[in-house]
Amino acid sequence: MFLKVHCSPGAGDIVAVCDRELLNTTIIHGELSVLISEAFYGNTPAAEDEVRAALKKADNINLMGKRAVSIAIDMGLITRSGLIMIGEIPHAQVYSL
């Protein structure tokens, strides 16, 4: 997986995680086109334990891919009903209000 933490003063940190094979690809669902870019998800590989540690501290989370989403489900951060599918790819966002 790839992991990037976006520091947003006053709004909290955003942790972005995507599955390795999705980085720098575009997924399409109907008229929706989503670029899974290094600019947002970073280019630093992360092991599962690193992803879990970052998600525990995150104020906001953006996840793309089966493995990334599965970790958040396992941690109790989201449920399967709380994600969307973009084509065949699961995507979830978690916000702290």
Protein backbone atom coordinates (compact mmCIF):
# COMPACT_ATOMS: atom_id res chain seq x y z
CA MET A 1 0.00 0.00 0.00
CA PHE A 2 0.94 3.64 -0.27
CA LEU A 3 0.39 6.14 2.53
CA LYS A 4 0.53 9.91 2.70
CA VAL A 5 -0.41 12.20 5.57
CA HIS A 6 -1.66 15.64 4.56
CA CYS A 7 -1.24 18.18 7.35
CA SER A 8 -4.08 20.67 7.33
CA PRO A 9 -3.74 23.29 10.09
CA GLY A 10 -7.04 23.85 11.85
CA ALA A 11 -8.75 20.98 10.03
CA GLY A 12 -6.72 18.02 11.26
CA ASP A 13 -4.53 15.60 9.36
CA ILE A 14 -5.84 13.64 6.39
CA VAL A 15 -4.44 10.12 6.00
CA ALA A 16 -4.64 8.84 2.42
CA VAL A 17 -4.04 5.14 1.71
CA CYS A 18 -4.33 3.21 -1.53
CA ASP A 19 -3.49 -0.32 -2.61
CA ARG A 20 -0.13 -0.58 -4.34
CA GLU A 21 -1.44 -1.66 -7.76
CA LEU A 22 -3.85 1.28 -7.94
CA LEU A 23 -1.29 4.09 -7.70
CA ASN A 24 -1.15 6.25 -10.84
CA THR A 25 -4.16 4.57 -12.42
CA THR A 26 -7.55 5.94 -13.38
CA ILE A 27 -10.72 4.09 -12.49
CA ILE A 28 -13.93 4.73 -14.35
CA HIS A 29 -17.52 4.12 -13.32
CA GLY A 30 -20.08 5.44 -15.76
CA GLU A 31 -19.25 9.12 -16.27
CA LEU A 32 -17.10 9.25 -13.11
CA SER A 33 -13.34 9.14 -13.64
CA VAL A 34 -10.99 9.05 -10.63
CA LEU A 35 -7.20 9.40 -10.87
CA ILE A 36 -5.42 7.67 -8.01
CA SER A 37 -2.33 9.85 -8.01
CA GLU A 38 0.99 10.08 -6.19
CA ALA A 39 0.16 13.71 -5.47
CA PHE A 40 -2.61 12.60 -3.10
CA TYR A 41 -1.68 9.06 -2.02
CA GLY A 42 2.08 9.59 -2.02
CA ASN A 43 4.82 7.29 -3.26
CA THR A 44 6.00 5.90 0.05
CA PRO A 45 5.26 2.19 0.48
CA ALA A 46 3.70 1.34 3.84
CA ALA A 47 3.30 -1.97 5.64
CA GLU A 48 -0.01 -2.87 7.27
CA ASP A 49 1.22 -1.98 10.75
CA GLU A 50 2.25 1.50 9.52
CA VAL A 51 -1.16 2.00 7.94
CA ARG A 52 -2.92 0.93 11.15
CA ALA A 53 -0.80 3.32 13.25
CA ALA A 54 -1.55 6.23 10.91
CA LEU A 55 -5.29 5.46 10.82
CA LYS A 56 -5.44 5.38 14.64
CA LYS A 57 -4.12 8.95 14.79
CA ALA A 58 -6.02 10.32 11.77
CA ASP A 59 -8.60 13.08 11.96
CA ASN A 60 -9.81 12.31 8.43
CA ILE A 61 -9.20 9.28 6.23
CA ASN A 62 -9.36 8.57 2.49
CA LEU A 63 -9.01 4.92 1.44
CA MET A 64 -8.87 3.38 -2.02
CA GLY A 65 -8.64 -0.35 -2.67
CA LYS A 66 -9.56 -3.69 -1.16
CA ARG A 67 -6.63 -3.99 1.27
CA ALA A 68 -6.78 -0.38 2.47
CA VAL A 69 -10.53 -0.55 3.07
CA SER A 70 -10.27 -3.98 4.74
CA ILE A 71 -7.85 -2.64 7.34
CA ALA A 72 -10.27 0.14 8.30
CA ILE A 73 -13.14 -2.35 8.51
CA ASP A 74 -11.03 -4.65 10.71
CA MET A 75 -10.21 -1.67 12.97
CA GLY A 76 -13.90 -0.80 13.30
CA LEU A 77 -13.47 2.59 11.62
CA ILE A 78 -16.00 1.82 8.87
CA THR A 79 -18.48 -0.89 7.91
CA ARG A 80 -19.01 -2.49 4.53
CA SER A 81 -22.19 -0.44 4.19
CA GLY A 82 -20.10 2.70 4.72
CA LEU A 83 -18.06 2.34 1.55
CA ILE A 84 -18.80 2.92 -2.11
CA MET A 85 -17.67 1.02 -5.15
CA ILE A 86 -16.09 2.90 -8.02
CA GLY A 87 -16.19 0.26 -10.68
CA GLU A 88 -14.70 -2.76 -8.92
CA ILE A 89 -12.67 -0.69 -6.46
CA PRO A 90 -13.90 -0.03 -2.88
CA HIS A 91 -13.49 3.54 -1.62
CA ALA A 92 -14.20 5.03 1.81
CA GLN A 93 -13.82 8.35 3.54
CA VAL A 94 -13.95 8.97 7.28
CA TYR A 95 -14.34 12.45 8.74
CA SER A 96 -14.06 13.64 12.30
CA LEU A 97 -16.49 16.44 13.01
